[in-house]
N, C-alpha and C. Protein backbone atom coordinates (compact mmCIF):
# COMPACT_ATOMS: atom_id res chain seq x y z
N MET A 1 -34.67 -10.70 12.11
CA MET A 1 -33.34 -11.24 11.62
C MET A 1 -32.52 -11.44 12.97
N SER A 2 -31.81 -12.38 13.00
CA SER A 2 -30.59 -12.57 14.01
C SER A 2 -29.42 -12.55 13.47
N ASN A 3 -28.25 -12.75 14.26
CA ASN A 3 -27.03 -12.73 14.03
C ASN A 3 -26.50 -14.05 13.53
N LYS A 4 -27.25 -14.65 12.52
CA LYS A 4 -26.95 -15.69 11.93
C LYS A 4 -25.51 -15.77 11.22
N ALA A 5 -24.82 -16.82 11.60
CA ALA A 5 -23.58 -16.64 10.80
C ALA A 5 -23.69 -17.27 9.31
N VAL A 6 -22.77 -16.70 8.37
CA VAL A 6 -23.07 -17.09 7.00
C VAL A 6 -21.88 -18.02 6.86
N ALA A 7 -20.56 -17.64 7.20
CA ALA A 7 -19.37 -18.20 7.17
C ALA A 7 -18.64 -18.24 8.47
N ILE A 8 -18.15 -19.22 8.87
CA ILE A 8 -17.22 -19.28 10.31
C ILE A 8 -15.89 -19.79 9.74
N ASN A 9 -14.89 -19.27 10.24
CA ASN A 9 -13.45 -19.57 10.15
C ASN A 9 -13.04 -20.53 11.35
N ARG A 10 -13.36 -21.86 11.01
CA ARG A 10 -13.31 -22.85 12.22
C ARG A 10 -11.75 -22.97 12.48
N GLN A 11 -10.91 -22.84 11.70
CA GLN A 11 -9.45 -23.07 12.07
C GLN A 11 -8.98 -22.09 12.94
N ALA A 12 -9.63 -20.85 13.09
CA ALA A 12 -8.86 -19.75 13.85
C ALA A 12 -8.98 -20.23 15.24
N SER A 13 -9.83 -20.75 15.89
CA SER A 13 -9.86 -21.04 17.22
C SER A 13 -9.03 -22.07 17.50
N PHE A 14 -8.72 -22.98 16.42
CA PHE A 14 -7.66 -23.92 16.80
C PHE A 14 -6.21 -23.45 16.61
N ARG A 15 -6.16 -22.64 15.72
CA ARG A 15 -4.59 -22.12 15.34
C ARG A 15 -4.24 -20.96 16.32
N TYR A 16 -5.05 -20.20 17.07
CA TYR A 16 -4.90 -19.10 17.73
C TYR A 16 -5.53 -18.91 19.01
N HIS A 17 -4.67 -18.08 20.09
CA HIS A 17 -5.34 -17.86 21.06
C HIS A 17 -6.09 -16.62 20.68
N ILE A 18 -7.41 -16.49 21.03
CA ILE A 18 -8.43 -15.32 20.79
C ILE A 18 -8.54 -14.48 21.81
N PHE A 19 -7.90 -13.10 21.76
CA PHE A 19 -7.89 -11.99 22.99
C PHE A 19 -9.04 -11.08 22.69
N ASP A 20 -9.35 -10.66 21.87
CA ASP A 20 -10.46 -9.54 21.69
C ASP A 20 -11.21 -9.65 20.34
N LYS A 21 -12.27 -9.44 20.28
CA LYS A 21 -13.03 -9.62 19.09
C LYS A 21 -13.66 -8.02 18.60
N PHE A 22 -13.69 -7.79 17.47
CA PHE A 22 -14.30 -6.79 16.81
C PHE A 22 -15.26 -7.04 15.76
N GLU A 23 -16.42 -5.94 15.67
CA GLU A 23 -17.43 -6.05 14.63
C GLU A 23 -17.08 -4.96 13.53
N ALA A 24 -16.97 -5.63 12.23
CA ALA A 24 -16.60 -4.66 11.09
C ALA A 24 -17.47 -4.67 9.66
N GLY A 25 -17.92 -3.55 9.47
CA GLY A 25 -18.75 -3.62 8.06
C GLY A 25 -17.74 -3.86 7.01
N ILE A 26 -18.29 -4.20 5.86
CA ILE A 26 -17.69 -4.39 4.68
C ILE A 26 -18.19 -3.64 3.51
N VAL A 27 -17.09 -3.13 2.72
CA VAL A 27 -17.66 -2.38 1.61
C VAL A 27 -17.75 -3.45 0.42
N LEU A 28 -18.97 -3.74 0.09
CA LEU A 28 -19.36 -4.81 -1.13
C LEU A 28 -20.26 -4.37 -2.00
N SER A 29 -20.23 -4.95 -3.25
CA SER A 29 -21.24 -4.43 -4.41
C SER A 29 -22.37 -5.17 -3.97
N GLY A 30 -23.55 -4.76 -4.74
CA GLY A 30 -24.91 -5.62 -4.49
C GLY A 30 -24.90 -6.85 -4.84
N PRO A 31 -24.19 -7.34 -6.03
CA PRO A 31 -24.30 -9.13 -6.38
C PRO A 31 -23.60 -9.77 -5.35
N GLU A 32 -22.42 -9.03 -4.62
CA GLU A 32 -21.75 -9.83 -3.77
C GLU A 32 -22.38 -10.06 -2.36
N VAL A 33 -23.23 -8.87 -2.03
CA VAL A 33 -24.06 -9.21 -0.98
C VAL A 33 -25.33 -10.33 -1.24
N LYS A 34 -25.85 -10.46 -2.32
CA LYS A 34 -26.94 -11.58 -2.69
C LYS A 34 -26.07 -12.78 -2.49
N SER A 35 -24.99 -12.82 -3.10
CA SER A 35 -24.05 -14.10 -3.26
C SER A 35 -23.85 -14.37 -1.76
N ILE A 36 -23.50 -13.51 -0.55
CA ILE A 36 -23.19 -13.77 0.50
C ILE A 36 -24.61 -14.32 1.09
N ARG A 37 -25.72 -13.88 1.01
CA ARG A 37 -26.85 -14.03 1.56
C ARG A 37 -27.30 -15.69 0.97
N GLU A 38 -26.62 -16.11 0.15
CA GLU A 38 -27.04 -17.37 -0.29
C GLU A 38 -25.92 -18.60 0.16
N GLY A 39 -24.91 -17.81 1.01
CA GLY A 39 -24.06 -18.68 1.66
C GLY A 39 -22.66 -18.95 0.91
N ASN A 40 -22.27 -18.06 -0.31
CA ASN A 40 -21.23 -18.47 -1.09
C ASN A 40 -20.10 -17.80 -0.76
N VAL A 41 -19.70 -17.70 0.43
CA VAL A 41 -18.71 -17.06 0.98
C VAL A 41 -17.67 -17.98 1.92
N SER A 42 -16.25 -17.90 1.70
CA SER A 42 -15.33 -18.64 2.42
C SER A 42 -14.35 -17.90 2.84
N LEU A 43 -13.83 -18.26 4.42
CA LEU A 43 -12.80 -17.52 5.06
C LEU A 43 -11.60 -18.30 5.25
N ARG A 44 -11.76 -19.24 4.64
CA ARG A 44 -10.57 -20.33 4.76
C ARG A 44 -9.11 -19.85 4.79
N GLU A 45 -8.84 -18.99 3.87
CA GLU A 45 -7.38 -18.35 3.62
C GLU A 45 -7.32 -17.03 3.79
N SER A 46 -8.31 -16.34 4.36
CA SER A 46 -8.18 -15.18 4.45
C SER A 46 -7.74 -14.35 5.51
N PHE A 47 -7.11 -13.22 5.48
CA PHE A 47 -6.45 -12.66 6.58
C PHE A 47 -6.70 -11.02 6.51
N ILE A 48 -6.20 -10.38 7.60
CA ILE A 48 -6.35 -8.91 7.61
C ILE A 48 -5.07 -8.01 7.32
N ARG A 49 -5.31 -6.82 6.76
CA ARG A 49 -4.17 -6.17 6.27
C ARG A 49 -4.40 -4.81 6.64
N PHE A 50 -3.38 -4.11 6.96
CA PHE A 50 -3.57 -2.64 7.50
C PHE A 50 -2.88 -1.69 6.42
N GLN A 51 -3.31 -0.87 5.49
CA GLN A 51 -2.62 -0.26 4.66
C GLN A 51 -2.97 1.33 4.75
N ALA A 52 -2.04 2.35 5.05
CA ALA A 52 -2.22 3.57 5.35
C ALA A 52 -3.36 4.07 6.05
N GLY A 53 -3.65 3.60 7.40
CA GLY A 53 -4.54 3.75 8.40
C GLY A 53 -5.96 3.14 7.91
N GLU A 54 -5.97 2.33 6.82
CA GLU A 54 -7.34 1.77 6.87
C GLU A 54 -6.98 0.14 6.84
N VAL A 55 -8.37 -0.60 6.90
CA VAL A 55 -8.11 -2.04 7.11
C VAL A 55 -8.55 -2.90 5.88
N PHE A 56 -8.20 -3.87 5.43
CA PHE A 56 -8.52 -4.56 4.41
C PHE A 56 -8.73 -6.20 4.73
N VAL A 57 -9.72 -6.86 4.24
CA VAL A 57 -9.61 -8.03 4.32
C VAL A 57 -9.24 -8.76 3.12
N MET A 58 -8.32 -9.60 3.07
CA MET A 58 -7.75 -10.14 1.95
C MET A 58 -8.10 -11.52 1.82
N ASN A 59 -8.14 -12.17 0.28
CA ASN A 59 -8.33 -13.53 0.14
C ASN A 59 -9.74 -13.91 0.61
N MET A 60 -10.64 -13.39 1.02
CA MET A 60 -12.00 -13.62 1.26
C MET A 60 -12.82 -14.08 -0.01
N HIS A 61 -13.22 -15.37 -0.09
CA HIS A 61 -13.78 -15.76 -1.55
C HIS A 61 -15.10 -15.54 -1.38
N VAL A 62 -15.71 -14.82 -2.23
CA VAL A 62 -17.17 -14.50 -2.54
C VAL A 62 -17.22 -15.10 -3.98
N ARG A 63 -18.00 -16.07 -4.09
CA ARG A 63 -18.58 -16.66 -5.48
C ARG A 63 -19.32 -15.72 -6.07
N PRO A 64 -19.20 -15.48 -7.25
CA PRO A 64 -20.04 -14.42 -8.10
C PRO A 64 -21.37 -15.16 -7.95
N TYR A 65 -22.24 -13.98 -7.90
CA TYR A 65 -23.82 -14.16 -7.94
C TYR A 65 -24.16 -14.76 -9.21
N SER A 66 -24.97 -16.07 -9.35
CA SER A 66 -25.51 -16.49 -10.56
C SER A 66 -26.39 -15.71 -11.36
N CYS A 67 -27.09 -14.65 -11.15
CA CYS A 67 -27.82 -13.84 -11.73
C CYS A 67 -27.26 -12.70 -12.08
N SER A 68 -26.08 -12.16 -12.01
CA SER A 68 -25.59 -11.06 -12.16
C SER A 68 -24.83 -11.04 -13.55
N SER A 69 -24.49 -9.86 -14.19
CA SER A 69 -23.84 -9.61 -15.34
C SER A 69 -22.60 -8.86 -15.04
N GLU A 70 -22.27 -8.51 -13.79
CA GLU A 70 -21.20 -7.59 -13.20
C GLU A 70 -20.03 -8.73 -12.83
N ALA A 71 -18.84 -8.66 -13.49
CA ALA A 71 -17.86 -9.78 -13.24
C ALA A 71 -16.94 -8.80 -12.25
N LEU A 72 -16.93 -9.68 -10.98
CA LEU A 72 -15.94 -8.94 -10.05
C LEU A 72 -14.99 -10.28 -9.64
N ASP A 73 -13.74 -9.69 -9.24
CA ASP A 73 -12.81 -10.71 -8.77
C ASP A 73 -13.34 -11.34 -7.35
N PRO A 74 -13.51 -12.61 -7.49
CA PRO A 74 -14.06 -13.40 -6.22
C PRO A 74 -12.99 -13.26 -4.94
N VAL A 75 -11.73 -13.13 -5.20
CA VAL A 75 -10.86 -12.71 -3.96
C VAL A 75 -10.28 -11.56 -4.03
N ARG A 76 -10.95 -10.56 -4.34
CA ARG A 76 -10.34 -8.88 -4.33
C ARG A 76 -10.42 -8.60 -2.98
N GLU A 77 -9.44 -7.62 -2.54
CA GLU A 77 -9.43 -7.22 -1.42
C GLU A 77 -10.63 -6.04 -1.15
N ARG A 78 -11.33 -6.34 0.06
CA ARG A 78 -12.33 -5.56 0.43
C ARG A 78 -11.95 -4.74 1.65
N LYS A 79 -12.40 -3.45 1.67
CA LYS A 79 -12.46 -2.60 2.80
C LYS A 79 -13.23 -2.91 3.99
N LEU A 80 -12.77 -2.86 5.21
CA LEU A 80 -13.48 -2.98 6.19
C LEU A 80 -13.71 -1.54 7.20
N LEU A 81 -14.86 -1.47 7.54
CA LEU A 81 -15.38 -0.22 8.21
C LEU A 81 -15.26 -0.49 9.62
N LEU A 82 -14.39 0.39 10.21
CA LEU A 82 -14.02 0.39 11.68
C LEU A 82 -13.78 1.81 12.16
N ASN A 83 -14.23 2.07 13.34
CA ASN A 83 -13.97 3.46 13.73
C ASN A 83 -12.25 3.74 14.06
N LYS A 84 -11.91 5.08 13.86
CA LYS A 84 -10.52 5.07 14.08
C LYS A 84 -9.83 4.94 15.35
N ARG A 85 -10.80 4.91 16.52
CA ARG A 85 -10.28 4.28 17.82
C ARG A 85 -10.16 2.83 17.78
N GLU A 86 -10.86 2.08 17.00
CA GLU A 86 -10.72 0.64 17.09
C GLU A 86 -9.50 0.33 16.17
N ILE A 87 -9.28 1.11 14.94
CA ILE A 87 -8.23 0.80 14.03
C ILE A 87 -6.88 0.94 14.90
N ASP A 88 -6.84 2.23 15.80
CA ASP A 88 -5.73 2.39 16.41
C ASP A 88 -5.44 1.47 17.61
N ARG A 89 -6.31 1.05 18.14
CA ARG A 89 -6.40 0.05 19.33
C ARG A 89 -5.77 -1.13 18.51
N ILE A 90 -6.44 -1.84 17.65
CA ILE A 90 -6.12 -3.17 17.01
C ILE A 90 -4.51 -2.85 16.51
N TYR A 91 -4.04 -1.79 15.81
CA TYR A 91 -2.80 -1.55 15.49
C TYR A 91 -1.74 -1.57 16.42
N LYS A 92 -2.20 -1.21 17.57
CA LYS A 92 -1.07 -0.84 18.86
C LYS A 92 -0.94 -2.29 19.11
N GLN A 93 -1.94 -3.13 19.30
CA GLN A 93 -1.68 -4.37 19.65
C GLN A 93 -0.81 -5.39 18.84
N LEU A 94 -1.04 -5.06 17.56
CA LEU A 94 -0.13 -5.77 16.46
C LEU A 94 1.30 -5.58 16.60
N ASP A 95 1.66 -4.56 16.99
CA ASP A 95 2.91 -3.88 17.26
C ASP A 95 3.58 -4.98 18.35
N LYS A 96 2.85 -5.66 19.24
CA LYS A 96 3.41 -6.61 20.23
C LYS A 96 3.75 -7.75 19.33
N LYS A 97 4.85 -8.66 20.11
CA LYS A 97 5.35 -9.83 19.29
C LYS A 97 4.37 -11.00 19.33
N GLY A 98 4.01 -11.40 18.02
CA GLY A 98 3.26 -12.57 17.88
C GLY A 98 1.85 -12.35 17.91
N PHE A 99 1.60 -11.21 17.64
CA PHE A 99 -0.05 -10.97 17.58
C PHE A 99 -0.46 -10.73 16.09
N THR A 100 -1.68 -11.15 16.01
CA THR A 100 -2.06 -10.91 14.50
C THR A 100 -3.60 -10.91 14.52
N SER A 101 -4.17 -10.44 13.22
CA SER A 101 -5.52 -10.31 13.54
C SER A 101 -6.22 -11.00 12.19
N VAL A 102 -7.29 -12.01 12.46
CA VAL A 102 -7.75 -12.66 11.48
C VAL A 102 -9.14 -12.64 11.69
N PRO A 103 -9.74 -12.95 10.23
CA PRO A 103 -11.46 -12.64 10.33
C PRO A 103 -12.06 -14.06 10.98
N LEU A 104 -13.16 -13.90 11.71
CA LEU A 104 -13.87 -15.07 12.37
C LEU A 104 -15.13 -15.74 11.76
N LYS A 105 -15.79 -14.62 11.71
CA LYS A 105 -17.13 -15.05 10.80
C LYS A 105 -17.82 -13.73 10.06
N VAL A 106 -18.54 -14.32 9.15
CA VAL A 106 -19.46 -13.21 8.15
C VAL A 106 -20.83 -13.44 8.77
N TYR A 107 -21.53 -12.69 8.98
CA TYR A 107 -22.95 -12.66 9.40
C TYR A 107 -23.58 -11.44 8.79
N PHE A 108 -25.11 -11.76 9.28
CA PHE A 108 -25.96 -10.36 8.86
C PHE A 108 -26.46 -9.90 10.18
N ASN A 109 -26.36 -8.69 10.41
CA ASN A 109 -27.04 -8.29 11.80
C ASN A 109 -28.42 -8.14 11.65
N GLN A 110 -28.86 -7.32 12.69
CA GLN A 110 -30.55 -7.45 12.84
C GLN A 110 -30.88 -6.22 12.03
N ARG A 111 -30.24 -5.54 11.53
CA ARG A 111 -30.70 -4.61 10.38
C ARG A 111 -30.47 -4.85 9.01
N GLY A 112 -29.80 -6.25 8.74
CA GLY A 112 -29.81 -6.76 7.48
C GLY A 112 -28.39 -6.51 6.85
N LYS A 113 -27.42 -5.76 7.57
CA LYS A 113 -26.24 -5.47 7.08
C LYS A 113 -25.02 -6.61 7.18
N VAL A 114 -24.20 -6.53 6.11
CA VAL A 114 -23.22 -7.80 6.15
C VAL A 114 -22.12 -7.21 7.13
N LYS A 115 -21.95 -8.10 8.34
CA LYS A 115 -20.82 -7.69 9.18
C LYS A 115 -19.75 -9.03 9.06
N LEU A 116 -18.43 -8.56 9.38
CA LEU A 116 -17.35 -9.60 9.53
C LEU A 116 -16.90 -9.31 11.08
N GLU A 117 -16.73 -10.43 12.00
CA GLU A 117 -16.14 -10.45 13.06
C GLU A 117 -14.64 -10.70 12.82
N ILE A 118 -14.00 -9.78 13.38
CA ILE A 118 -12.32 -9.98 13.25
C ILE A 118 -11.74 -9.98 14.65
N ALA A 119 -10.79 -10.92 14.85
CA ALA A 119 -10.18 -11.10 16.43
C ALA A 119 -8.63 -10.78 16.16
N LEU A 120 -8.37 -10.05 17.46
CA LEU A 120 -6.93 -10.17 17.85
C LEU A 120 -6.47 -11.33 18.38
N CYS A 121 -5.44 -11.97 17.69
CA CYS A 121 -5.04 -13.13 18.36
C CYS A 121 -3.45 -13.37 18.38
N GLN A 122 -3.22 -14.55 18.94
CA GLN A 122 -1.93 -15.02 19.00
C GLN A 122 -1.61 -16.31 18.80
N GLY A 123 -0.74 -16.69 17.98
CA GLY A 123 -0.70 -18.15 17.48
C GLY A 123 -0.27 -19.18 18.74
N LYS A 124 -0.92 -20.53 18.44
CA LYS A 124 -0.78 -21.45 19.44
C LYS A 124 0.54 -22.19 19.04
N GLN A 125 1.04 -22.72 20.11
CA GLN A 125 2.19 -23.54 19.71
C GLN A 125 1.65 -25.05 19.75
N LEU A 126 2.47 -26.10 19.47
CA LEU A 126 2.01 -27.38 18.84
C LEU A 126 1.49 -27.87 19.96
N TYR A 127 1.94 -27.89 21.18
CA TYR A 127 1.51 -28.59 22.31
C TYR A 127 0.12 -27.86 22.72
N ASP A 128 -0.08 -26.53 22.57
CA ASP A 128 -1.41 -25.69 22.87
C ASP A 128 -2.56 -26.63 22.02
N LYS A 129 -2.17 -26.80 20.66
CA LYS A 129 -3.05 -27.64 19.75
C LYS A 129 -3.22 -29.08 20.22
N ARG A 130 -2.46 -29.68 20.66
CA ARG A 130 -2.80 -31.03 21.20
C ARG A 130 -3.46 -30.97 22.29
N GLN A 131 -3.39 -30.16 23.15
CA GLN A 131 -4.16 -30.10 24.57
C GLN A 131 -5.89 -29.81 23.87
N ALA A 132 -5.95 -28.73 22.87
CA ALA A 132 -7.25 -28.46 22.62
C ALA A 132 -7.86 -29.91 21.88
N ILE A 133 -6.96 -30.59 21.27
CA ILE A 133 -7.57 -31.94 20.67
C ILE A 133 -8.07 -32.80 21.64
N ARG A 134 -7.09 -33.03 22.67
CA ARG A 134 -7.56 -33.70 24.07
C ARG A 134 -8.76 -33.29 24.55
N GLU A 135 -8.72 -32.12 24.86
CA GLU A 135 -10.06 -31.59 25.60
C GLU A 135 -11.39 -31.83 24.86
N ARG A 136 -11.20 -31.66 23.47
CA ARG A 136 -12.41 -31.88 22.36
C ARG A 136 -12.68 -33.30 22.93
N ASP A 137 -11.81 -34.19 22.65
CA ASP A 137 -12.24 -35.55 22.87
C ASP A 137 -12.69 -36.05 24.03
N GLN A 138 -12.19 -35.31 25.03
CA GLN A 138 -12.94 -35.67 26.26
C GLN A 138 -14.14 -35.14 26.48
N GLN A 139 -14.62 -33.88 25.82
CA GLN A 139 -15.91 -33.60 25.72
C GLN A 139 -16.86 -34.52 25.15
N LYS A 140 -16.27 -34.90 24.11
CA LYS A 140 -17.17 -35.83 23.14
C LYS A 140 -17.39 -37.25 24.10
N GLU A 141 -16.42 -37.95 24.91
CA GLU A 141 -16.55 -38.77 25.62
C GLU A 141 -17.36 -38.60 26.55
N MET A 142 -17.66 -37.61 27.28
CA MET A 142 -18.64 -37.17 28.12
C MET A 142 -20.05 -37.21 27.69
N ALA A 143 -20.10 -36.61 26.46
CA ALA A 143 -21.44 -36.42 26.05
C ALA A 143 -22.01 -37.74 25.58
N ARG A 144 -21.04 -38.80 24.97
CA ARG A 144 -21.71 -40.10 24.62
C ARG A 144 -21.81 -40.86 26.05
N ALA A 145 -21.26 -40.59 27.21
CA ALA A 145 -21.62 -41.32 28.37
C ALA A 145 -22.80 -40.85 29.02
N LYS A 146 -23.09 -39.76 28.82
CA LYS A 146 -24.54 -39.11 29.35
C LYS A 146 -25.74 -39.70 28.60
N LYS A 147 -25.39 -39.62 27.30
CA LYS A 147 -26.33 -40.05 26.25
C LYS A 147 -26.74 -41.56 26.64
N ARG A 148 -25.44 -42.50 26.94
CA ARG A 148 -25.79 -43.77 26.99
C ARG A 148 -26.57 -44.11 28.41
N PHE A 149 -26.24 -43.18 29.49
CA PHE A 149 -26.98 -43.64 30.70
C PHE A 149 -28.28 -42.95 30.93
N LYS A 150 -28.74 -42.09 29.94
CA LYS A 150 -29.85 -41.47 30.07
C LYS A 150 -31.05 -42.43 29.95
């Protein structure tokens, strides 16, 4: 098994400057893991919240598993499993102006455990977003030109 991404937050790299990444486990029930394995998870509106020294992911949508009789809220808060040292490190950075923490992707590691990659980031200004679009368009043009002249 490899670190194959099940769900990716594509808007995160567009909206934020990413400074540091952390790998966190998630507290899930059995049917939720099966649903994530099928790819029924979305990080679109999700965010990270700190409460009483613990870290939670909010609004991560996990569609209920089709063969399960257990009825769980699809967008309930889920606790993240991080070391105390990592939690302190992230929390200290969040005290600085403009920093936030967002989930980047959900994946299974080599041992088959569900992991969430979270990032410590800072919001981009509008001109930064325009520059990112311009660079992406230039990369596409270069790829097209290479393909045309091969």
